[in-house]
Amino acid sequence: MNKSIEIPSLNKGVDYKNFHQSMTKNYSELSKVYMTFLSDWLTSTVKTFNDSDKFHILLCIFKKNLNFYNDNLIKFDYETFNKTNQFDIQKINIVEIAKILNLPKETTRRKLLELQKLGVIKRNKKNVLIDKEAIKLFNIDSILDRLGDVLIKIYKISLKDKLFTNETISKKEIVETMKKNFSFMLLHYFEFIIPWLVRWKRFFNNDTELFIIWSIILLNKSVKILKKKENNSDIFNWRTEISQMNTNGINTMSLSEISGIPRPTVSRKIKILLEKKIVLIDKNKLFHPIIVNHKKPLENLQNTSLESFSKFSSTVFNLIAFS
């Protein structure tokens, strides 16, 4: 006789709203690892094809597969993903991709053709494939490891706010849970990262390079503020500190080296950011972020991003809780 399976108690899970509240209250403690992860992820997408839009188009195509797998209860782990060299993909809808990524239709079409020329997207009779071997993928192991750094920081912050009764979760367990539930986790990560990217790009007139350069300038100041002070502060005080505290800026060469964007392009984009009055240059030709001129839209973007990431985080921790 088969043993009956009990429906698990919802009390074992965590509510993303509580996560969001805890992350907001302890933002300065979280900001370095959270912002560094997102900045590194952004620059990695540029370096894959020397064109972030191509990579984001590829994400959209693969996310459609992940939606299909999830809807039909098909799951695969990280080991299976690593062993698979080619993925069948559903019919490519250029209009749909352009709309999701807020790209012109002709730009989307052109970049898809470029992905075909690179051998990343292949047509085999009626089938369309993503050839993973043709992609100079960024190090997914490294991405998962750094994502684990963010999640373990959130876990430790949440412990202080008594959101967990389990005080034994480790970074290793978090990473292993993401690998074990890789297709499910990746779908939820894409549901965070693609809208996050599009919202921020829209603020920067759909220019990914502008967004990347500005995010590095902001991260540079945030990290240096943390070095100057030890006490924790919420997101509202963090914003005040970013606006008011003096720190050393960052130069064009460093921006180019960190972002992977050629130095002449960085110089050209910096001029746009200066005209937009979202950065300033000091007497030493170092760049600093300006928040006050765009205070409300930047706060809204940050609030939405943090809430969205708290949903992704709660999904990972609920996988652990109910496993």
Protein backbone atom coordinates (compact mmCIF):
# COMPACT_ATOMS: atom_id res chain seq x y z
CA MET A 1 0.00 0.00 0.00
CA ASN A 2 1.39 3.36 -1.03
CA LYS A 3 2.06 5.83 1.71
CA SER A 4 -0.07 8.95 1.31
CA ILE A 5 1.71 12.22 0.62
CA GLU A 6 0.79 15.13 2.85
CA ILE A 7 0.19 18.56 1.40
CA PRO A 8 2.93 20.74 2.92
CA SER A 9 2.02 23.56 5.26
CA LEU A 10 2.24 27.02 3.73
CA ASN A 11 3.81 28.20 6.97
CA LYS A 12 7.07 26.64 5.79
CA GLY A 13 7.31 29.14 2.94
CA VAL A 14 8.40 32.77 2.81
CA ASP A 15 6.35 35.67 1.45
CA TYR A 16 8.17 37.91 -1.03
CA LYS A 17 6.52 40.96 0.56
CA ASN A 18 8.33 40.24 3.82
CA PHE A 19 11.55 39.71 1.87
CA HIS A 20 11.05 43.02 0.11
CA GLN A 21 10.48 44.84 3.39
CA SER A 22 13.61 43.30 4.91
CA MET A 23 15.75 44.11 1.84
CA THR A 24 14.50 47.70 1.82
CA LYS A 25 15.16 48.14 5.54
CA ASN A 26 18.71 46.77 5.27
CA TYR A 27 19.59 48.04 1.81
CA SER A 28 23.07 49.40 2.51
CA GLU A 29 24.06 45.97 3.85
CA LEU A 30 22.74 44.34 0.67
CA SER A 31 23.64 46.99 -1.90
CA LYS A 32 27.25 46.05 -2.67
CA VAL A 33 26.71 42.37 -3.45
CA TYR A 34 23.33 43.00 -5.15
CA MET A 35 24.50 45.87 -7.36
CA THR A 36 27.82 44.19 -8.16
CA PHE A 37 26.03 41.06 -9.33
CA LEU A 38 23.70 43.01 -11.63
CA SER A 39 26.51 45.19 -12.98
CA ASP A 40 28.68 42.13 -13.67
CA TRP A 41 25.77 40.36 -15.35
CA LEU A 42 25.21 43.37 -17.61
CA THR A 43 28.86 43.60 -18.68
CA SER A 44 28.93 39.83 -19.28
CA THR A 45 26.09 40.16 -21.79
CA VAL A 46 28.11 42.71 -23.75
CA LYS A 47 31.22 40.54 -23.86
CA THR A 48 29.40 37.43 -25.15
CA PHE A 49 28.86 38.80 -28.68
CA ASN A 50 30.29 42.32 -28.25
CA ASP A 51 26.63 43.24 -28.61
CA SER A 52 24.25 42.97 -25.65
CA ASP A 53 21.12 43.18 -27.81
CA LYS A 54 22.01 39.92 -29.56
CA PHE A 55 22.36 38.20 -26.20
CA HIS A 56 19.06 39.60 -24.93
CA ILE A 57 17.31 38.41 -28.10
CA LEU A 58 18.71 34.95 -27.45
CA LEU A 59 17.39 35.08 -23.88
CA CYS A 60 13.90 35.90 -25.15
CA ILE A 61 13.98 32.99 -27.59
CA PHE A 62 15.13 30.53 -24.93
CA LYS A 63 12.68 31.88 -22.36
CA LYS A 64 9.85 30.86 -24.69
CA ASN A 65 11.19 27.29 -24.45
CA LEU A 66 11.33 27.55 -20.67
CA ASN A 67 7.70 28.69 -20.58
CA PHE A 68 6.73 25.64 -22.65
CA TYR A 69 8.73 23.28 -20.40
CA ASN A 70 7.18 24.77 -17.26
CA ASP A 71 3.62 24.71 -18.65
CA ASN A 72 4.05 21.02 -19.48
CA LEU A 73 5.80 20.04 -16.22
CA ILE A 74 9.09 19.36 -18.02
CA LYS A 75 12.12 20.00 -15.82
CA PHE A 76 15.85 19.59 -16.26
CA ASP A 77 18.79 20.16 -13.97
CA TYR A 78 22.04 22.03 -14.57
CA GLU A 79 23.96 18.87 -15.46
CA THR A 80 21.45 18.09 -18.24
CA PHE A 81 21.69 21.66 -19.52
CA ASN A 82 25.48 21.40 -19.64
CA LYS A 83 25.37 18.12 -21.57
CA THR A 84 22.91 19.42 -24.16
CA ASN A 85 24.64 21.08 -27.11
CA GLN A 86 21.57 22.02 -29.14
CA PHE A 87 18.07 23.13 -28.17
CA ASP A 88 15.05 22.99 -30.44
CA ILE A 89 13.23 26.30 -30.32
CA GLN A 90 9.74 27.31 -31.28
CA LYS A 91 9.02 29.50 -34.29
CA ILE A 92 10.75 32.87 -33.92
CA ASN A 93 8.32 35.79 -33.81
CA ILE A 94 10.30 38.94 -34.62
CA VAL A 95 7.45 41.30 -33.71
CA GLU A 96 7.00 39.61 -30.31
CA ILE A 97 10.73 39.77 -29.47
CA ALA A 98 10.96 43.41 -30.59
CA LYS A 99 8.01 44.30 -28.37
CA ILE A 100 9.39 42.47 -25.31
CA LEU A 101 12.84 44.08 -25.61
CA ASN A 102 11.55 47.47 -26.78
CA LEU A 103 13.69 47.21 -29.93
CA PRO A 104 12.81 48.36 -33.47
CA LYS A 105 11.50 45.47 -35.57
CA GLU A 106 14.17 45.91 -38.25
CA THR A 107 16.94 45.99 -35.63
CA THR A 108 15.62 42.73 -34.20
CA ARG A 109 15.47 41.14 -37.65
CA ARG A 110 19.03 42.25 -38.47
CA LYS A 111 20.47 40.94 -35.22
CA LEU A 112 18.69 37.61 -35.64
CA LEU A 113 20.32 37.28 -39.06
CA GLU A 114 23.68 38.07 -37.47
CA LEU A 115 23.08 35.31 -34.89
CA GLN A 116 22.41 32.92 -37.78
CA LYS A 117 25.66 33.98 -39.49
CA LEU A 118 27.52 33.30 -36.23
CA GLY A 119 26.01 29.80 -36.19
CA VAL A 120 24.21 30.38 -32.90
CA ILE A 121 20.79 29.95 -34.50
CA LYS A 122 20.55 27.20 -37.11
CA ARG A 123 17.81 26.01 -39.38
CA ASN A 124 17.60 22.27 -40.00
CA LYS A 125 14.80 21.68 -42.53
CA LYS A 126 11.70 22.81 -40.61
CA ASN A 127 13.44 22.89 -37.24
CA VAL A 128 15.16 25.89 -35.68
CA LEU A 129 17.98 25.24 -33.20
CA ILE A 130 20.11 27.14 -30.71
CA ASP A 131 23.64 25.75 -30.98
CA LYS A 132 25.05 26.18 -27.50
CA GLU A 133 28.51 25.17 -28.69
CA ALA A 134 28.59 28.21 -31.01
CA ILE A 135 27.93 30.60 -28.11
CA LYS A 136 30.88 32.01 -26.24
CA LEU A 137 28.83 31.76 -23.09
CA PHE A 138 29.84 33.60 -20.00
CA ASN A 139 30.73 31.32 -17.13
CA ILE A 140 27.37 30.08 -15.83
CA ASP A 141 29.04 28.42 -12.84
CA SER A 142 30.42 31.83 -11.90
CA ILE A 143 27.03 33.49 -12.39
CA LEU A 144 25.36 30.92 -10.11
CA ASP A 145 28.11 31.33 -7.54
CA ARG A 146 27.73 35.13 -7.45
CA LEU A 147 23.95 34.83 -7.41
CA GLY A 148 24.46 32.54 -4.42
CA ASP A 149 26.43 35.38 -2.75
CA VAL A 150 23.43 37.70 -3.16
CA LEU A 151 20.93 35.14 -1.88
CA ILE A 152 22.95 34.13 1.16
CA LYS A 153 23.28 37.82 2.06
CA ILE A 154 19.49 38.19 1.78
CA TYR A 155 19.07 35.07 3.92
CA LYS A 156 21.34 36.43 6.66
CA ILE A 157 19.53 39.78 6.62
CA SER A 158 16.17 38.01 6.79
CA LEU A 159 17.33 35.91 9.73
CA LYS A 160 17.78 39.09 11.73
CA ASP A 161 14.18 39.98 10.92
CA LYS A 162 13.07 36.47 11.95
CA LEU A 163 11.67 35.56 8.53
CA PHE A 164 13.15 32.06 8.81
CA THR A 165 12.95 29.40 11.46
CA ASN A 166 15.62 27.37 9.65
CA GLU A 167 19.01 28.85 10.54
CA THR A 168 21.15 26.26 8.77
CA ILE A 169 20.83 27.21 5.10
CA SER A 170 24.24 27.59 3.44
CA LYS A 171 25.36 29.19 0.20
CA LYS A 172 26.23 25.71 -1.08
CA GLU A 173 22.65 24.54 -0.46
CA ILE A 174 21.29 27.59 -2.29
CA VAL A 175 23.50 27.01 -5.35
CA GLU A 176 22.78 23.27 -5.39
CA THR A 177 19.03 23.96 -5.20
CA MET A 178 19.28 26.30 -8.20
CA LYS A 179 21.26 23.67 -10.14
CA LYS A 180 18.85 20.86 -9.24
CA ASN A 181 15.84 22.96 -10.37
CA PHE A 182 17.74 24.70 -13.15
CA SER A 183 15.01 25.05 -15.82
CA PHE A 184 12.46 26.27 -13.28
CA MET A 185 14.94 28.63 -11.61
CA LEU A 186 16.15 30.00 -14.97
CA LEU A 187 12.58 30.78 -16.05
CA HIS A 188 11.99 32.80 -12.87
CA TYR A 189 15.36 34.51 -13.21
CA PHE A 190 14.52 35.53 -16.80
CA GLU A 191 11.16 36.81 -15.56
CA PHE A 192 13.13 39.12 -13.29
CA ILE A 193 16.10 40.09 -15.47
CA ILE A 194 14.44 40.75 -18.86
CA PRO A 195 11.82 43.25 -17.58
CA TRP A 196 14.50 44.76 -15.28
CA LEU A 197 16.73 45.36 -18.27
CA VAL A 198 13.96 46.81 -20.44
CA ARG A 199 12.76 49.23 -17.74
CA TRP A 200 16.26 50.63 -17.19
CA LYS A 201 17.04 50.76 -20.91
CA ARG A 202 13.87 52.76 -21.51
CA PHE A 203 15.09 55.36 -19.02
CA PHE A 204 18.36 55.59 -20.98
CA ASN A 205 16.59 56.01 -24.34
CA ASN A 206 16.91 52.31 -25.10
CA ASP A 207 20.72 52.52 -25.02
CA THR A 208 22.19 49.54 -23.13
CA GLU A 209 25.72 50.98 -23.17
CA LEU A 210 24.53 54.18 -21.48
CA PHE A 211 22.87 52.11 -18.78
CA ILE A 212 25.97 49.95 -18.24
CA ILE A 213 28.34 52.91 -17.96
CA TRP A 214 26.04 54.76 -15.56
CA SER A 215 25.50 51.65 -13.41
CA ILE A 216 29.28 51.23 -13.00
CA ILE A 217 29.61 54.88 -11.96
CA LEU A 218 26.82 54.41 -9.41
CA LEU A 219 28.30 51.14 -8.11
CA ASN A 220 31.71 52.79 -7.71
CA LYS A 221 30.23 55.43 -5.42
CA SER A 222 28.06 52.96 -3.49
CA VAL A 223 31.04 50.71 -2.69
CA LYS A 224 33.15 53.66 -1.54
CA ILE A 225 30.36 54.91 0.71
CA LEU A 226 30.26 51.48 2.37
CA LYS A 227 34.00 51.68 3.03
CA LYS A 228 33.57 55.06 4.72
CA LYS A 229 30.76 54.04 7.09
CA GLU A 230 29.97 50.92 9.04
CA ASN A 231 26.40 51.44 10.27
CA ASN A 232 23.55 49.92 8.29
CA SER A 233 20.87 52.10 6.68
CA ASP A 234 17.63 51.61 4.80
CA ILE A 235 17.15 52.39 1.12
CA PHE A 236 15.93 55.93 1.84
CA ASN A 237 19.05 56.89 3.82
CA TRP A 238 21.23 55.09 1.27
CA ARG A 239 19.82 57.36 -1.45
CA THR A 240 20.58 60.44 0.66
CA GLU A 241 24.15 59.23 1.17
CA ILE A 242 24.63 58.59 -2.55
CA SER A 243 23.49 62.13 -3.26
CA GLN A 244 25.41 63.92 -0.51
CA MET A 245 28.55 61.99 0.46
CA ASN A 246 31.79 62.88 -1.33
CA THR A 247 33.83 59.98 -2.71
CA ASN A 248 36.46 59.47 -5.40
CA GLY A 249 34.98 59.08 -8.86
CA ILE A 250 35.96 56.78 -11.69
CA ASN A 251 37.80 57.58 -14.93
CA THR A 252 37.11 56.73 -18.57
CA MET A 253 39.80 54.07 -18.78
CA SER A 254 38.42 52.17 -15.78
CA LEU A 255 34.89 52.40 -17.18
CA SER A 256 36.11 50.89 -20.45
CA GLU A 257 38.06 48.09 -18.74
CA ILE A 258 35.19 47.12 -16.43
CA SER A 259 32.42 47.33 -19.05
CA GLY A 260 34.28 45.88 -22.03
CA ILE A 261 33.05 48.85 -24.07
CA PRO A 262 35.80 50.50 -26.21
CA ARG A 263 37.22 53.68 -24.68
CA PRO A 264 36.16 55.98 -27.58
CA THR A 265 32.60 54.69 -27.21
CA VAL A 266 32.71 55.27 -23.44
CA SER A 267 33.87 58.87 -24.03
CA ARG A 268 31.04 59.44 -26.48
CA LYS A 269 28.43 57.94 -24.15
CA ILE A 270 29.75 59.94 -21.18
CA LYS A 271 29.02 63.14 -23.09
CA ILE A 272 25.40 62.03 -23.39
CA LEU A 273 25.22 61.27 -19.66
CA LEU A 274 26.70 64.69 -18.89
CA GLU A 275 24.12 66.36 -21.15
CA LYS A 276 21.38 64.34 -19.45
CA LYS A 277 22.78 65.65 -16.13
CA ILE A 278 22.82 62.20 -14.59
CA VAL A 279 26.60 62.26 -14.06
CA LEU A 280 29.10 65.02 -13.34
CA ILE A 281 32.84 65.36 -13.95
CA ASP A 282 35.19 66.77 -11.32
CA LYS A 283 38.47 68.70 -11.71
CA ASN A 284 40.40 65.39 -11.86
CA LYS A 285 38.24 64.20 -14.78
CA LEU A 286 36.57 61.57 -12.61
CA PHE A 287 32.87 60.82 -12.97
CA HIS A 288 30.18 60.74 -10.26
CA PRO A 289 26.46 59.87 -10.38
CA ILE A 290 23.82 62.56 -9.96
CA ILE A 291 20.52 61.39 -8.49
CA VAL A 292 18.73 64.62 -7.62
CA ASN A 293 17.94 65.67 -11.21
CA HIS A 294 16.05 62.42 -11.87
CA LYS A 295 15.10 61.54 -8.31
CA LYS A 296 11.53 60.29 -8.77
CA PRO A 297 11.96 58.07 -11.87
CA LEU A 298 15.18 56.55 -10.49
CA GLU A 299 13.53 55.79 -7.16
CA ASN A 300 10.58 54.16 -8.94
CA LEU A 301 12.91 52.04 -11.06
CA GLN A 302 14.92 50.96 -8.03
CA ASN A 303 11.79 50.16 -5.99
CA THR A 304 10.32 48.05 -8.79
CA SER A 305 13.62 46.23 -9.34
CA LEU A 306 14.03 45.39 -5.66
CA GLU A 307 10.46 44.13 -5.36
CA SER A 308 10.93 41.98 -8.47
CA PHE A 309 14.19 40.53 -7.15
CA SER A 310 12.53 39.74 -3.82
CA LYS A 311 9.99 37.62 -5.75
CA PHE A 312 12.79 35.68 -7.45
CA SER A 313 14.60 35.27 -4.11
CA SER A 314 11.51 33.96 -2.34
CA THR A 315 11.02 31.42 -5.15
CA VAL A 316 14.54 30.00 -4.56
CA PHE A 317 14.09 29.86 -0.77
CA ASN A 318 10.67 28.24 -1.10
CA LEU A 319 12.27 25.56 -3.28
CA ILE A 320 14.60 24.88 -0.36
CA ALA A 321 11.80 25.00 2.22
CA PHE A 322 9.55 22.53 0.39
CA SER A 323 12.21 20.16 -0.91
